[in-house]
């Protein structure tokens, strides 16, 4: 099984399907994964298979490494399109997340003022005031909402602690139109307790209630995507271009900008 564990605290730049030339900021340990979800499709693998032994980088280590990389890129005539908080787990769990966001914005303004600051988050901590306020200070707070079906969330996203989708939606609403909703659509099935269990969330039974929640959140935009790399759980399949386009068109028809990545 192939999985990706990213260097920490800085990796890349890499080319993102959705964001362009992205310089990654990983607030997790360099040798493992720390996440409030344990998604069966995660490119970093399952949590239990990648328990870290190293600590998370400190605020000072992140700022120092980011500055050094931006200086290096400037000297080479390179400019990132985006500085992206991503990597081996949920970035908002870092105890100094809000302060690191502020440091990153200052460094962006100094070295690459046209670049956007993005955060890829599973939204599990969006109800925390300091986390939500920090997310609202970045250009692209990209927040996961794969479905509103509690059983599907438990089966596919596998929260590691208590999770109530209604509370997550409420927290996203409090972002006052600043949030960007990100949703993984896929098909296929996997074996659980000796039975094949479908993970297809592309049909109307899933899409309609999800879209109603999206309209309630009133986000800045929606990004839908599908599997792009090998997954730790076998049997999962990409949603088709036609399926993604149909969902995208429904979001756009609701008056919300939407892009699909295949």
C-alpha atoms as a PDB file:
ATOM      1  CA  UNK A   1       0.000   0.000   0.000  1.00  0.00           C
ATOM      2  CA  UNK A   2       1.442   3.360  -1.067  1.00  0.00           C
ATOM      3  CA  UNK A   3       0.880   6.321   1.243  1.00  0.00           C
ATOM      4  CA  UNK A   4       2.289   9.812   1.441  1.00  0.00           C
ATOM      5  CA  UNK A   5       3.842  11.182   4.626  1.00  0.00           C
ATOM      6  CA  UNK A   6       4.896  14.761   3.996  1.00  0.00           C
ATOM      7  CA  UNK A   7       8.027  16.499   5.266  1.00  0.00           C
ATOM      8  CA  UNK A   8       7.494  18.966   8.094  1.00  0.00           C
ATOM      9  CA  UNK A   9       7.096  21.860   8.480  1.00  0.00           C
ATOM     10  CA  UNK A  10       7.527  22.870   4.790  1.00  0.00           C
ATOM     11  CA  UNK A  11       7.164  20.749   1.669  1.00  0.00           C
ATOM     12  CA  UNK A  12       7.024  21.388  -2.041  1.00  0.00           C
ATOM     13  CA  UNK A  13       6.200  23.441  -3.935  1.00  0.00           C
ATOM     14  CA  UNK A  14       3.792  21.014  -5.604  1.00  0.00           C
ATOM     15  CA  UNK A  15       1.196  21.431  -8.320  1.00  0.00           C
ATOM     16  CA  UNK A  16      -2.323  21.309  -6.907  1.00  0.00           C
ATOM     17  CA  UNK A  17      -5.317  20.383  -9.085  1.00  0.00           C
ATOM     18  CA  UNK A  18      -7.340  23.140  -7.440  1.00  0.00           C
ATOM     19  CA  UNK A  19      -4.862  25.747  -6.198  1.00  0.00           C
ATOM     20  CA  UNK A  20      -1.946  25.981  -8.656  1.00  0.00           C
ATOM     21  CA  UNK A  21       1.707  26.083  -7.500  1.00  0.00           C
ATOM     22  CA  UNK A  22       1.387  25.364  -3.800  1.00  0.00           C
ATOM     23  CA  UNK A  23       4.014  25.591  -1.073  1.00  0.00           C
ATOM     24  CA  UNK A  24       2.896  23.220   1.648  1.00  0.00           C
ATOM     25  CA  UNK A  25       2.934  23.917   5.380  1.00  0.00           C
ATOM     26  CA  UNK A  26       2.646  20.762   7.489  1.00  0.00           C
ATOM     27  CA  UNK A  27       1.959  21.323  11.187  1.00  0.00           C
ATOM     28  CA  UNK A  28       2.124  17.608  11.962  1.00  0.00           C
ATOM     29  CA  UNK A  29       5.196  15.514  12.853  1.00  0.00           C
ATOM     30  CA  UNK A  30       7.402  14.596   9.912  1.00  0.00           C
ATOM     31  CA  UNK A  31       7.180  10.866  10.613  1.00  0.00           C
ATOM     32  CA  UNK A  32       3.476  10.274  11.132  1.00  0.00           C
ATOM     33  CA  UNK A  33      -0.136  11.344  11.051  1.00  0.00           C
ATOM     34  CA  UNK A  34      -2.268  13.198  13.608  1.00  0.00           C
ATOM     35  CA  UNK A  35      -5.882  13.693  12.554  1.00  0.00           C
ATOM     36  CA  UNK A  36      -9.374  14.017  14.003  1.00  0.00           C
ATOM     37  CA  UNK A  37     -10.625  11.975  11.039  1.00  0.00           C
ATOM     38  CA  UNK A  38      -9.380   8.591   9.858  1.00  0.00           C
ATOM     39  CA  UNK A  39     -10.752   8.718   6.313  1.00  0.00           C
ATOM     40  CA  UNK A  40     -10.679   5.426   4.458  1.00  0.00           C
ATOM     41  CA  UNK A  41      -9.580   7.304   1.317  1.00  0.00           C
ATOM     42  CA  UNK A  42      -6.773   9.379   2.874  1.00  0.00           C
ATOM     43  CA  UNK A  43      -3.597   9.498   0.792  1.00  0.00           C
ATOM     44  CA  UNK A  44      -1.595   9.631   4.053  1.00  0.00           C
ATOM     45  CA  UNK A  45      -2.971   6.256   5.121  1.00  0.00           C
ATOM     46  CA  UNK A  46      -4.857   5.231   8.238  1.00  0.00           C
ATOM     47  CA  UNK A  47      -3.963   6.786  11.583  1.00  0.00           C
ATOM     48  CA  UNK A  48      -2.979   3.525  13.284  1.00  0.00           C
ATOM     49  CA  UNK A  49      -0.440   2.717  10.572  1.00  0.00           C
ATOM     50  CA  UNK A  50       1.435   6.001  10.971  1.00  0.00           C
ATOM     51  CA  UNK A  51       1.764   6.805  14.662  1.00  0.00           C
ATOM     52  CA  UNK A  52       4.383   9.575  14.969  1.00  0.00           C
ATOM     53  CA  UNK A  53       7.368   9.503  17.287  1.00  0.00           C
ATOM     54  CA  UNK A  54       8.523  13.060  16.592  1.00  0.00           C
ATOM     55  CA  UNK A  55       6.871  16.204  18.017  1.00  0.00           C
ATOM     56  CA  UNK A  56       4.916  18.723  16.003  1.00  0.00           C
ATOM     57  CA  UNK A  57       6.954  21.699  14.769  1.00  0.00           C
ATOM     58  CA  UNK A  58       6.747  24.741  17.005  1.00  0.00           C
ATOM     59  CA  UNK A  59       5.462  28.128  15.901  1.00  0.00           C
ATOM     60  CA  UNK A  60       9.054  29.389  15.727  1.00  0.00           C
ATOM     61  CA  UNK A  61      10.222  26.412  13.668  1.00  0.00           C
ATOM     62  CA  UNK A  62       7.401  26.899  11.164  1.00  0.00           C
ATOM     63  CA  UNK A  63       8.111  30.616  10.724  1.00  0.00           C
ATOM     64  CA  UNK A  64      11.844  30.060  10.391  1.00  0.00           C
ATOM     65  CA  UNK A  65      11.482  27.274   7.821  1.00  0.00           C
ATOM     66  CA  UNK A  66       8.833  29.147   5.821  1.00  0.00           C
ATOM     67  CA  UNK A  67      10.946  32.293   5.662  1.00  0.00           C
ATOM     68  CA  UNK A  68      13.996  30.328   4.516  1.00  0.00           C
ATOM     69  CA  UNK A  69      12.013  28.594   1.758  1.00  0.00           C
ATOM     70  CA  UNK A  70      10.439  31.836   0.529  1.00  0.00           C
ATOM     71  CA  UNK A  71      13.863  33.499   0.406  1.00  0.00           C
ATOM     72  CA  UNK A  72      15.201  30.529  -1.567  1.00  0.00           C
ATOM     73  CA  UNK A  73      12.282  30.648  -4.011  1.00  0.00           C
ATOM     74  CA  UNK A  74      12.663  34.396  -4.487  1.00  0.00           C
ATOM     75  CA  UNK A  75      16.381  33.977  -5.204  1.00  0.00           C
ATOM     76  CA  UNK A  76      15.475  31.370  -7.850  1.00  0.00           C
ATOM     77  CA  UNK A  77      12.833  33.594  -9.427  1.00  0.00           C
ATOM     78  CA  UNK A  78       9.995  31.358  -8.190  1.00  0.00           C
ATOM     79  CA  UNK A  79       6.735  32.603  -6.713  1.00  0.00           C
ATOM     80  CA  UNK A  80       4.063  30.319  -5.231  1.00  0.00           C
ATOM     81  CA  UNK A  81       0.411  30.825  -6.119  1.00  0.00           C
ATOM     82  CA  UNK A  82      -0.598  29.691  -2.669  1.00  0.00           C
ATOM     83  CA  UNK A  83       0.759  28.801   0.768  1.00  0.00           C
ATOM     84  CA  UNK A  84      -1.256  25.767   1.808  1.00  0.00           C
ATOM     85  CA  UNK A  85      -1.680  24.322   5.275  1.00  0.00           C
ATOM     86  CA  UNK A  86      -2.007  20.605   4.605  1.00  0.00           C
ATOM     87  CA  UNK A  87       0.049  17.482   5.210  1.00  0.00           C
ATOM     88  CA  UNK A  88      -0.186  14.613   7.666  1.00  0.00           C
ATOM     89  CA  UNK A  89      -3.412  15.429   9.472  1.00  0.00           C
ATOM     90  CA  UNK A  90      -5.677  18.215  10.655  1.00  0.00           C
ATOM     91  CA  UNK A  91      -3.763  21.540  10.856  1.00  0.00           C
ATOM     92  CA  UNK A  92      -6.204  23.255  13.216  1.00  0.00           C
ATOM     93  CA  UNK A  93      -5.298  20.794  15.997  1.00  0.00           C
ATOM     94  CA  UNK A  94      -1.913  22.484  16.414  1.00  0.00           C
ATOM     95  CA  UNK A  95      -2.012  24.363  19.748  1.00  0.00           C
ATOM     96  CA  UNK A  96      -0.432  27.423  18.111  1.00  0.00           C
ATOM     97  CA  UNK A  97      -2.510  27.313  14.931  1.00  0.00           C
ATOM     98  CA  UNK A  98      -3.882  30.874  15.213  1.00  0.00           C
ATOM     99  CA  UNK A  99      -0.461  32.376  15.883  1.00  0.00           C
ATOM    100  CA  UNK A 100       1.101  30.411  13.017  1.00  0.00           C
ATOM    101  CA  UNK A 101      -1.584  31.757  10.682  1.00  0.00           C
ATOM    102  CA  UNK A 102      -0.672  35.315  11.686  1.00  0.00           C
ATOM    103  CA  UNK A 103       3.061  34.644  11.145  1.00  0.00           C
ATOM    104  CA  UNK A 104       2.332  33.145   7.722  1.00  0.00           C
ATOM    105  CA  UNK A 105       0.276  36.130   6.610  1.00  0.00           C
ATOM    106  CA  UNK A 106       3.117  38.479   7.593  1.00  0.00           C
ATOM    107  CA  UNK A 107       5.673  36.397   5.669  1.00  0.00           C
ATOM    108  CA  UNK A 108       3.365  36.169   2.671  1.00  0.00           C
ATOM    109  CA  UNK A 109       2.968  39.945   2.655  1.00  0.00           C
ATOM    110  CA  UNK A 110       6.743  40.350   2.773  1.00  0.00           C
ATOM    111  CA  UNK A 111       7.879  37.786   0.210  1.00  0.00           C
ATOM    112  CA  UNK A 112       4.961  36.889  -2.096  1.00  0.00           C
ATOM    113  CA  UNK A 113       2.123  39.386  -1.592  1.00  0.00           C
ATOM    114  CA  UNK A 114       0.059  38.035  -4.489  1.00  0.00           C
ATOM    115  CA  UNK A 115       0.012  34.492  -3.091  1.00  0.00           C
ATOM    116  CA  UNK A 116      -3.064  33.223  -1.274  1.00  0.00           C
ATOM    117  CA  UNK A 117      -2.981  31.550   2.120  1.00  0.00           C
ATOM    118  CA  UNK A 118      -5.095  28.375   2.159  1.00  0.00           C
ATOM    119  CA  UNK A 119      -6.011  25.903   4.866  1.00  0.00           C
ATOM    120  CA  UNK A 120      -7.273  22.391   4.073  1.00  0.00           C
ATOM    121  CA  UNK A 121      -9.363  21.430   7.099  1.00  0.00           C
ATOM    122  CA  UNK A 122     -11.856  18.717   7.968  1.00  0.00           C
ATOM    123  CA  UNK A 123     -13.819  21.378   9.911  1.00  0.00           C
ATOM    124  CA  UNK A 124     -13.944  19.330  13.124  1.00  0.00           C
ATOM    125  CA  UNK A 125     -12.725  22.300  15.204  1.00  0.00           C
ATOM    126  CA  UNK A 126     -14.625  25.049  13.372  1.00  0.00           C
ATOM    127  CA  UNK A 127     -16.817  25.675  16.417  1.00  0.00           C
ATOM    128  CA  UNK A 128     -13.797  26.762  18.471  1.00  0.00           C
ATOM    129  CA  UNK A 129     -13.790  30.543  18.372  1.00  0.00           C
ATOM    130  CA  UNK A 130     -10.026  31.074  18.070  1.00  0.00           C
ATOM    131  CA  UNK A 131      -9.758  28.443  15.326  1.00  0.00           C
ATOM    132  CA  UNK A 132     -12.697  29.846  13.360  1.00  0.00           C
ATOM    133  CA  UNK A 133     -11.378  33.419  13.675  1.00  0.00           C
ATOM    134  CA  UNK A 134      -7.963  32.309  12.412  1.00  0.00           C
ATOM    135  CA  UNK A 135      -9.573  30.481   9.489  1.00  0.00           C
ATOM    136  CA  UNK A 136     -11.479  33.635   8.589  1.00  0.00           C
ATOM    137  CA  UNK A 137      -8.184  35.552   8.331  1.00  0.00           C
ATOM    138  CA  UNK A 138      -6.878  33.387   5.481  1.00  0.00           C
ATOM    139  CA  UNK A 139      -7.779  33.753   1.816  1.00  0.00           C
ATOM    140  CA  UNK A 140      -9.003  30.192   1.281  1.00  0.00           C
ATOM    141  CA  UNK A 141     -10.402  28.374   4.324  1.00  0.00           C
ATOM    142  CA  UNK A 142     -11.247  25.095   2.569  1.00  0.00           C
ATOM    143  CA  UNK A 143     -13.531  23.094   4.837  1.00  0.00           C
ATOM    144  CA  UNK A 144     -14.533  19.452   4.365  1.00  0.00           C
ATOM    145  CA  UNK A 145     -18.179  18.380   4.234  1.00  0.00           C
ATOM    146  CA  UNK A 146     -18.388  15.019   2.443  1.00  0.00           C
ATOM    147  CA  UNK A 147     -22.040  14.425   3.331  1.00  0.00           C
ATOM    148  CA  UNK A 148     -24.605  15.196   6.009  1.00  0.00           C
ATOM    149  CA  UNK A 149     -25.441  11.524   6.535  1.00  0.00           C
ATOM    150  CA  UNK A 150     -24.219  10.502  10.001  1.00  0.00           C
ATOM    151  CA  UNK A 151     -23.835   6.813   9.127  1.00  0.00           C
ATOM    152  CA  UNK A 152     -21.767   7.632   6.035  1.00  0.00           C
ATOM    153  CA  UNK A 153     -19.529   9.997   8.021  1.00  0.00           C
ATOM    154  CA  UNK A 154     -18.946   7.305  10.650  1.00  0.00           C
ATOM    155  CA  UNK A 155     -18.172   4.709   7.978  1.00  0.00           C
ATOM    156  CA  UNK A 156     -16.006   6.752   5.594  1.00  0.00           C
ATOM    157  CA  UNK A 157     -14.603   9.799   7.437  1.00  0.00           C
ATOM    158  CA  UNK A 158     -14.303   7.872  10.715  1.00  0.00           C
ATOM    159  CA  UNK A 159     -14.117  10.738  13.255  1.00  0.00           C
ATOM    160  CA  UNK A 160     -11.789   9.907  16.137  1.00  0.00           C
ATOM    161  CA  UNK A 161     -14.017  11.665  18.688  1.00  0.00           C
ATOM    162  CA  UNK A 162     -17.661  12.717  19.018  1.00  0.00           C
ATOM    163  CA  UNK A 163     -18.891  14.360  15.799  1.00  0.00           C
ATOM    164  CA  UNK A 164     -22.240  16.018  15.149  1.00  0.00           C
ATOM    165  CA  UNK A 165     -22.702  17.217  11.591  1.00  0.00           C
ATOM    166  CA  UNK A 166     -25.330  19.768  12.679  1.00  0.00           C
ATOM    167  CA  UNK A 167     -22.760  21.427  14.935  1.00  0.00           C
ATOM    168  CA  UNK A 168     -20.206  21.472  12.106  1.00  0.00           C
ATOM    169  CA  UNK A 169     -22.757  23.101   9.803  1.00  0.00           C
ATOM    170  CA  UNK A 170     -23.499  25.678  12.493  1.00  0.00           C
ATOM    171  CA  UNK A 171     -19.802  26.474  12.834  1.00  0.00           C
ATOM    172  CA  UNK A 172     -19.463  26.840   9.060  1.00  0.00           C
ATOM    173  CA  UNK A 173     -22.469  29.177   9.006  1.00  0.00           C
ATOM    174  CA  UNK A 174     -20.690  31.333  11.577  1.00  0.00           C
ATOM    175  CA  UNK A 175     -17.906  31.888   9.048  1.00  0.00           C
ATOM    176  CA  UNK A 176     -20.330  34.340   7.416  1.00  0.00           C
ATOM    177  CA  UNK A 177     -19.833  33.322   3.798  1.00  0.00           C
ATOM    178  CA  UNK A 178     -16.047  33.078   4.043  1.00  0.00           C
ATOM    179  CA  UNK A 179     -15.850  29.268   3.998  1.00  0.00           C
ATOM    180  CA  UNK A 180     -15.028  27.234   0.911  1.00  0.00           C
ATOM    181  CA  UNK A 181     -16.704  23.838   1.089  1.00  0.00           C
ATOM    182  CA  UNK A 182     -14.715  20.840  -0.144  1.00  0.00           C
ATOM    183  CA  UNK A 183     -16.445  17.524  -0.797  1.00  0.00           C
ATOM    184  CA  UNK A 184     -15.081  14.142  -1.827  1.00  0.00           C
ATOM    185  CA  UNK A 185     -17.405  12.178  -4.117  1.00  0.00           C
ATOM    186  CA  UNK A 186     -16.585   8.594  -4.956  1.00  0.00           C
ATOM    187  CA  UNK A 187     -18.071   5.222  -5.845  1.00  0.00           C
ATOM    188  CA  UNK A 188     -17.153   1.609  -5.201  1.00  0.00           C
ATOM    189  CA  UNK A 189     -17.323  -0.446  -2.026  1.00  0.00           C
ATOM    190  CA  UNK A 190     -15.138  -2.026   0.621  1.00  0.00           C
ATOM    191  CA  UNK A 191     -15.313  -5.132   2.761  1.00  0.00           C
ATOM    192  CA  UNK A 192     -16.541  -4.682   6.302  1.00  0.00           C
ATOM    193  CA  UNK A 193     -17.385  -7.617   8.589  1.00  0.00           C
ATOM    194  CA  UNK A 194     -17.317  -9.917   5.583  1.00  0.00           C
ATOM    195  CA  UNK A 195     -19.771  -7.822   3.558  1.00  0.00           C
ATOM    196  CA  UNK A 196     -19.293  -5.379   0.672  1.00  0.00           C
ATOM    197  CA  UNK A 197     -20.394  -1.911   1.781  1.00  0.00           C
ATOM    198  CA  UNK A 198     -21.085   0.796  -0.806  1.00  0.00           C
ATOM    199  CA  UNK A 199     -19.367   4.191  -0.444  1.00  0.00           C
ATOM    200  CA  UNK A 200     -21.168   5.782  -3.390  1.00  0.00           C
ATOM    201  CA  UNK A 201     -22.311   9.279  -2.326  1.00  0.00           C
ATOM    202  CA  UNK A 202     -23.015  10.565  -5.839  1.00  0.00           C
ATOM    203  CA  UNK A 203     -26.726   9.735  -6.065  1.00  0.00           C
ATOM    204  CA  UNK A 204     -29.629  11.973  -5.162  1.00  0.00           C
ATOM    205  CA  UNK A 205     -30.149  10.423  -1.720  1.00  0.00           C
ATOM    206  CA  UNK A 206     -26.819  11.917  -0.648  1.00  0.00           C
ATOM    207  CA  UNK A 207     -26.487  14.920  -2.936  1.00  0.00           C
ATOM    208  CA  UNK A 208     -29.843  16.594  -2.223  1.00  0.00           C
ATOM    209  CA  UNK A 209     -29.483  16.868   1.599  1.00  0.00           C
ATOM    210  CA  UNK A 210     -25.817  17.813   1.187  1.00  0.00           C
ATOM    211  CA  UNK A 211     -26.786  20.585  -1.210  1.00  0.00           C
ATOM    212  CA  UNK A 212     -29.437  21.856   1.208  1.00  0.00           C
ATOM    213  CA  UNK A 213     -26.766  22.101   3.909  1.00  0.00           C
ATOM    214  CA  UNK A 214     -24.420  23.885   1.510  1.00  0.00           C
ATOM    215  CA  UNK A 215     -27.131  26.429   0.707  1.00  0.00           C
ATOM    216  CA  UNK A 216     -27.670  26.948   4.442  1.00  0.00           C
ATOM    217  CA  UNK A 217     -23.945  27.536   4.973  1.00  0.00           C
ATOM    218  CA  UNK A 218     -23.854  29.968   2.008  1.00  0.00           C
ATOM    219  CA  UNK A 219     -20.127  29.476   1.313  1.00  0.00           C
ATOM    220  CA  UNK A 220     -17.882  31.567  -0.879  1.00  0.00           C
ATOM    221  CA  UNK A 221     -17.631  28.607  -3.236  1.00  0.00           C
ATOM    222  CA  UNK A 222     -17.678  24.815  -3.384  1.00  0.00           C
ATOM    223  CA  UNK A 223     -14.888  22.506  -4.561  1.00  0.00           C
ATOM    224  CA  UNK A 224     -15.886  18.950  -5.421  1.00  0.00           C
ATOM    225  CA  UNK A 225     -13.320  16.313  -6.248  1.00  0.00           C
ATOM    226  CA  UNK A 226     -12.704  12.586  -6.361  1.00  0.00           C
ATOM    227  CA  UNK A 227      -9.980  10.074  -5.594  1.00  0.00           C
ATOM    228  CA  UNK A 228      -6.663  10.970  -7.203  1.00  0.00           C
ATOM    229  CA  UNK A 229      -4.163   8.618  -5.510  1.00  0.00           C
ATOM    230  CA  UNK A 230      -4.045   5.129  -4.056  1.00  0.00           C
ATOM    231  CA  UNK A 231      -6.257   4.738  -1.006  1.00  0.00           C
ATOM    232  CA  UNK A 232      -5.489   2.717   2.147  1.00  0.00           C
ATOM    233  CA  UNK A 233      -8.850   0.928   1.874  1.00  0.00           C
ATOM    234  CA  UNK A 234      -9.291  -1.197  -1.251  1.00  0.00           C
ATOM    235  CA  UNK A 235     -12.336  -1.116  -3.520  1.00  0.00           C
ATOM    236  CA  UNK A 236     -12.898   2.638  -3.581  1.00  0.00           C
ATOM    237  CA  UNK A 237     -13.369   4.109  -7.056  1.00  0.00           C
ATOM    238  CA  UNK A 238     -13.328   7.512  -8.676  1.00  0.00           C
ATOM    239  CA  UNK A 239     -16.571   9.297  -9.378  1.00  0.00           C
ATOM    240  CA  UNK A 240     -16.938   9.827 -13.110  1.00  0.00           C
ATOM    241  CA  UNK A 241     -16.550  13.150 -14.852  1.00  0.00           C
ATOM    242  CA  UNK A 242     -20.250  12.999 -15.712  1.00  0.00           C
ATOM    243  CA  UNK A 243     -21.241  12.437 -12.082  1.00  0.00           C
ATOM    244  CA  UNK A 244     -19.085  15.324 -10.841  1.00  0.00           C
ATOM    245  CA  UNK A 245     -20.283  17.647 -13.584  1.00  0.00           C
ATOM    246  CA  UNK A 246     -23.909  16.901 -12.724  1.00  0.00           C
ATOM    247  CA  UNK A 247     -23.332  17.706  -9.045  1.00  0.00           C
ATOM    248  CA  UNK A 248     -21.334  20.813  -9.923  1.00  0.00           C
ATOM    249  CA  UNK A 249     -24.143  22.055 -12.144  1.00  0.00           C
ATOM    250  CA  UNK A 250     -26.674  21.618  -9.326  1.00  0.00           C
ATOM    251  CA  UNK A 251     -24.521  23.733  -7.012  1.00  0.00           C
ATOM    252  CA  UNK A 252     -24.118  26.434  -9.637  1.00  0.00           C
ATOM    253  CA  UNK A 253     -27.870  26.379 -10.294  1.00  0.00           C
ATOM    254  CA  UNK A 254     -28.330  27.131  -6.573  1.00  0.00           C
ATOM    255  CA  UNK A 255     -26.325  30.324  -7.075  1.00  0.00           C
ATOM    256  CA  UNK A 256     -23.038  29.119  -5.544  1.00  0.00           C
ATOM    257  CA  UNK A 257     -19.777  29.030  -7.537  1.00  0.00           C
ATOM    258  CA  UNK A 258     -18.481  25.474  -7.888  1.00  0.00           C
ATOM    259  CA  UNK A 259     -15.529  23.707  -9.489  1.00  0.00           C
ATOM    260  CA  UNK A 260     -14.977  19.998 -10.111  1.00  0.00           C
ATOM    261  CA  UNK A 261     -11.581  18.262 -10.101  1.00  0.00           C
ATOM    262  CA  UNK A 262     -11.438  14.861 -11.795  1.00  0.00           C
END
